[in-house]
């Protein structure tokens, strides 16, 4: 019997993921449902930036997702480039019961592309699928926009937790898959990547994204179960 314990360390990756979208679409509740399995029906917008770090196991590797929430800043148009800096993933959220939030998607995509230093793996989220009776944005319309923009797409409910974990996992797995392809092809990571704490900071320059040409590792639309 080998007297020495297995000293091979699990690689530690830290991916910064941002939540963006209009105020009151449920971004904070998506994060609290995913990170702590909690939901706050009367939650209020807070000023500042909040984040949670979640560990995920992907192909035997420990991956940490540092998920940032705008926490109300979007109401004051104060979401700055510092918020996006270093992000390799984004959840762009709208409320299926408020068409105005869906019409803001293009604005948020422009802001993401303006302030991000890299190609960010992005999933379009139609949240509050539990409000199907007052739906203003059909599932097909959200899916069509996502396909046109080359994004992943899913409908979620922070209230009943439908597809919440799957949405975050889809983004993190795709980031990891892009990284793996870069490593396999021998590409080196960018040297001037911003530091995000312990672990390997990752900069993605692979153009791969969701959409019809490159479907996500999980089903690309969650429906509204």
Protein backbone atom coordinates (compact mmCIF):
# COMPACT_ATOMS: atom_id res chain seq x y z
CA UNK A 1 0.00 0.00 0.00
CA UNK A 2 1.28 3.43 -0.93
CA UNK A 3 2.36 5.21 2.25
CA UNK A 4 1.94 8.63 0.70
CA UNK A 5 -1.44 10.28 0.34
CA UNK A 6 -2.52 11.47 -3.07
CA UNK A 7 -0.87 14.87 -3.28
CA UNK A 8 -2.42 15.86 -6.58
CA UNK A 9 -4.36 19.03 -5.91
CA UNK A 10 -7.65 19.83 -7.55
CA UNK A 11 -7.20 22.86 -9.76
CA UNK A 12 -8.88 25.94 -8.43
CA UNK A 13 -10.56 28.29 -10.91
CA UNK A 14 -12.38 31.48 -10.04
CA UNK A 15 -14.82 32.84 -12.60
CA UNK A 16 -16.47 36.23 -12.16
CA UNK A 17 -20.10 36.22 -13.29
CA UNK A 18 -22.29 39.33 -13.32
CA UNK A 19 -26.07 39.70 -13.05
CA UNK A 20 -27.48 42.48 -15.22
CA UNK A 21 -30.92 43.67 -16.25
CA UNK A 22 -33.55 46.21 -15.24
CA UNK A 23 -34.45 46.85 -11.62
CA UNK A 24 -36.92 44.45 -9.95
CA UNK A 25 -36.57 41.63 -12.50
CA UNK A 26 -35.47 39.32 -9.68
CA UNK A 27 -31.67 39.32 -9.99
CA UNK A 28 -31.04 39.38 -6.24
CA UNK A 29 -33.56 36.61 -5.61
CA UNK A 30 -31.99 34.47 -8.35
CA UNK A 31 -28.65 34.84 -6.57
CA UNK A 32 -30.06 34.16 -3.09
CA UNK A 33 -31.96 31.11 -4.40
CA UNK A 34 -28.85 29.73 -6.06
CA UNK A 35 -26.38 30.56 -3.28
CA UNK A 36 -28.50 29.95 -0.18
CA UNK A 37 -31.75 28.42 -1.44
CA UNK A 38 -33.60 31.43 -0.04
CA UNK A 39 -36.28 33.70 -1.48
CA UNK A 40 -37.38 37.09 -0.17
CA UNK A 41 -40.83 38.11 -1.50
CA UNK A 42 -40.51 41.65 -0.12
CA UNK A 43 -36.86 42.25 -0.93
CA UNK A 44 -35.90 45.86 -1.58
CA UNK A 45 -33.19 47.28 -3.79
CA UNK A 46 -29.99 48.10 -1.98
CA UNK A 47 -27.37 50.51 -3.19
CA UNK A 48 -23.96 49.00 -3.75
CA UNK A 49 -22.55 45.78 -5.13
CA UNK A 50 -23.08 42.41 -3.53
CA UNK A 51 -21.53 39.11 -4.48
CA UNK A 52 -21.62 35.47 -3.46
CA UNK A 53 -19.03 32.80 -4.17
CA UNK A 54 -20.30 29.33 -4.99
CA UNK A 55 -18.24 26.19 -5.54
CA UNK A 56 -19.15 23.84 -8.37
CA UNK A 57 -17.61 20.54 -9.39
CA UNK A 58 -17.02 20.34 -13.13
CA UNK A 59 -15.29 17.27 -14.52
CA UNK A 60 -13.66 16.65 -11.16
CA UNK A 61 -12.28 20.19 -10.90
CA UNK A 62 -13.31 22.64 -8.22
CA UNK A 63 -14.61 25.77 -9.87
CA UNK A 64 -15.60 28.84 -7.88
CA UNK A 65 -18.16 31.21 -9.36
CA UNK A 66 -17.99 34.71 -7.89
CA UNK A 67 -21.42 36.09 -8.76
CA UNK A 68 -21.91 39.85 -8.64
CA UNK A 69 -25.27 41.56 -8.24
CA UNK A 70 -25.86 45.23 -9.12
CA UNK A 71 -28.11 45.53 -6.04
CA UNK A 72 -30.24 48.41 -7.27
CA UNK A 73 -27.62 50.51 -9.03
CA UNK A 74 -29.33 50.00 -12.38
CA UNK A 75 -32.14 52.31 -11.23
CA UNK A 76 -29.62 55.15 -11.03
CA UNK A 77 -27.69 54.21 -14.19
CA UNK A 78 -24.61 53.91 -12.00
CA UNK A 79 -23.46 50.48 -13.19
CA UNK A 80 -19.88 51.23 -14.14
CA UNK A 81 -17.06 49.57 -15.99
CA UNK A 82 -15.58 48.48 -12.64
CA UNK A 83 -18.58 46.20 -12.13
CA UNK A 84 -17.95 44.41 -15.44
CA UNK A 85 -14.16 44.30 -15.20
CA UNK A 86 -12.87 40.75 -15.17
CA UNK A 87 -16.26 39.16 -15.84
CA UNK A 88 -16.23 36.03 -17.98
CA UNK A 89 -19.92 35.21 -17.57
CA UNK A 90 -23.18 37.14 -17.41
CA UNK A 91 -26.83 36.44 -16.67
CA UNK A 92 -28.95 39.04 -18.45
CA UNK A 93 -32.34 38.94 -16.73
CA UNK A 94 -35.77 40.22 -17.75
CA UNK A 95 -39.22 39.71 -16.20
CA UNK A 96 -41.59 37.71 -18.42
CA UNK A 97 -44.52 39.68 -16.97
CA UNK A 98 -43.07 43.10 -17.87
CA UNK A 99 -42.37 43.66 -21.55
CA UNK A 100 -40.44 46.84 -20.85
CA UNK A 101 -37.72 44.81 -19.11
CA UNK A 102 -37.43 42.61 -22.21
CA UNK A 103 -37.12 45.65 -24.46
CA UNK A 104 -34.15 46.79 -22.35
CA UNK A 105 -32.15 43.66 -23.21
CA UNK A 106 -30.40 45.35 -26.15
CA UNK A 107 -29.29 48.24 -23.94
CA UNK A 108 -27.79 45.85 -21.39
CA UNK A 109 -26.01 43.85 -24.10
CA UNK A 110 -24.48 47.05 -25.45
CA UNK A 111 -23.32 48.04 -21.98
CA UNK A 112 -21.85 44.59 -21.37
CA UNK A 113 -19.96 44.68 -24.66
CA UNK A 114 -18.79 48.25 -24.06
CA UNK A 115 -17.34 47.65 -20.61
CA UNK A 116 -16.11 44.07 -20.89
CA UNK A 117 -12.54 43.31 -21.93
CA UNK A 118 -13.39 39.93 -23.42
CA UNK A 119 -16.08 37.74 -24.91
CA UNK A 120 -18.41 37.05 -22.00
CA UNK A 121 -20.43 33.83 -21.90
CA UNK A 122 -23.98 35.17 -21.61
CA UNK A 123 -27.33 33.58 -20.89
CA UNK A 124 -30.61 35.43 -21.42
CA UNK A 125 -32.94 34.71 -18.51
CA UNK A 126 -36.71 35.14 -18.62
CA UNK A 127 -37.38 35.22 -14.89
CA UNK A 128 -40.65 34.86 -12.94
CA UNK A 129 -41.95 31.98 -15.06
CA UNK A 130 -44.36 31.30 -12.17
CA UNK A 131 -46.28 34.39 -13.37
CA UNK A 132 -47.41 32.65 -16.55
CA UNK A 133 -50.98 33.97 -16.14
CA UNK A 134 -49.77 37.55 -16.59
CA UNK A 135 -46.99 36.81 -19.08
CA UNK A 136 -46.20 39.62 -21.53
CA UNK A 137 -43.18 38.03 -23.24
CA UNK A 138 -43.78 34.65 -24.95
CA UNK A 139 -41.11 32.00 -24.45
CA UNK A 140 -40.55 31.81 -28.21
CA UNK A 141 -39.79 35.52 -28.38
CA UNK A 142 -37.13 35.27 -25.70
CA UNK A 143 -35.61 32.23 -27.37
CA UNK A 144 -35.58 33.95 -30.78
CA UNK A 145 -33.77 37.00 -29.39
CA UNK A 146 -31.21 34.79 -27.67
CA UNK A 147 -30.55 32.85 -30.88
CA UNK A 148 -30.22 36.07 -32.88
CA UNK A 149 -27.66 37.40 -30.39
CA UNK A 150 -25.82 34.09 -29.95
CA UNK A 151 -26.81 33.71 -26.30
CA UNK A 152 -27.94 30.82 -24.16
CA UNK A 153 -31.59 31.04 -23.11
CA UNK A 154 -33.63 29.78 -20.20
CA UNK A 155 -36.74 30.71 -18.26
CA UNK A 156 -36.48 30.58 -14.49
CA UNK A 157 -38.45 31.18 -11.33
CA UNK A 158 -36.63 32.32 -8.22
CA UNK A 159 -39.90 31.76 -6.35
CA UNK A 160 -40.24 28.04 -7.05
CA UNK A 161 -36.52 27.59 -7.98
CA UNK A 162 -37.25 26.28 -11.50
CA UNK A 163 -34.05 26.15 -13.58
CA UNK A 164 -32.18 28.56 -11.28
CA UNK A 165 -29.23 26.26 -10.55
CA UNK A 166 -29.23 25.04 -14.16
CA UNK A 167 -28.92 28.61 -15.46
CA UNK A 168 -25.84 29.39 -13.37
CA UNK A 169 -24.32 25.97 -14.04
CA UNK A 170 -24.80 26.38 -17.80
CA UNK A 171 -22.76 29.59 -17.82
CA UNK A 172 -20.00 28.24 -15.57
CA UNK A 173 -19.71 24.97 -17.51
CA UNK A 174 -19.41 26.80 -20.80
CA UNK A 175 -16.68 29.06 -19.40
CA UNK A 176 -14.86 25.96 -18.20
CA UNK A 177 -15.33 24.24 -21.59
CA UNK A 178 -13.87 27.24 -23.42
CA UNK A 179 -10.94 27.28 -21.03
CA UNK A 180 -10.39 23.56 -21.56
CA UNK A 181 -10.37 24.01 -25.33
CA UNK A 182 -7.81 26.82 -24.98
CA UNK A 183 -5.58 24.65 -22.80
CA UNK A 184 -5.90 21.71 -25.18
CA UNK A 185 -4.96 23.91 -28.14
CA UNK A 186 -1.98 25.30 -26.26
CA UNK A 187 -3.25 28.87 -26.12
CA UNK A 188 -1.88 30.83 -23.20
CA UNK A 189 -4.02 32.95 -20.93
CA UNK A 190 -3.72 36.71 -21.14
CA UNK A 191 -0.98 37.93 -18.83
CA UNK A 192 -2.66 41.16 -17.76
CA UNK A 193 -5.85 39.58 -16.49
CA UNK A 194 -7.34 41.42 -13.52
CA UNK A 195 -6.93 39.65 -10.20
CA UNK A 196 -10.04 38.15 -8.65
CA UNK A 197 -8.56 36.60 -5.54
CA UNK A 198 -7.12 33.14 -5.07
CA UNK A 199 -7.13 30.66 -7.90
CA UNK A 200 -6.49 31.09 -11.60
CA UNK A 201 -7.99 34.23 -13.09
CA UNK A 202 -9.40 33.43 -16.48
CA UNK A 203 -9.70 35.58 -19.58
CA UNK A 204 -11.64 34.13 -22.47
CA UNK A 205 -11.08 35.20 -26.03
CA UNK A 206 -12.78 32.23 -27.67
CA UNK A 207 -15.84 33.53 -29.51
CA UNK A 208 -17.86 30.43 -28.64
CA UNK A 209 -21.28 31.18 -27.24
CA UNK A 210 -24.68 29.68 -27.04
CA UNK A 211 -27.28 29.76 -29.78
CA UNK A 212 -28.26 27.47 -32.61
CA UNK A 213 -24.73 26.88 -33.92
CA UNK A 214 -23.24 25.93 -30.58
CA UNK A 215 -25.86 24.61 -28.17
CA UNK A 216 -25.13 24.67 -24.44
CA UNK A 217 -24.09 21.54 -22.57
CA UNK A 218 -27.54 21.39 -21.01
CA UNK A 219 -30.88 21.83 -22.83
CA UNK A 220 -30.77 25.35 -24.21
CA UNK A 221 -34.26 26.36 -23.14
CA UNK A 222 -35.65 25.63 -19.75
CA UNK A 223 -39.28 26.32 -20.50
CA UNK A 224 -41.39 27.49 -17.63
CA UNK A 225 -42.13 24.38 -15.59
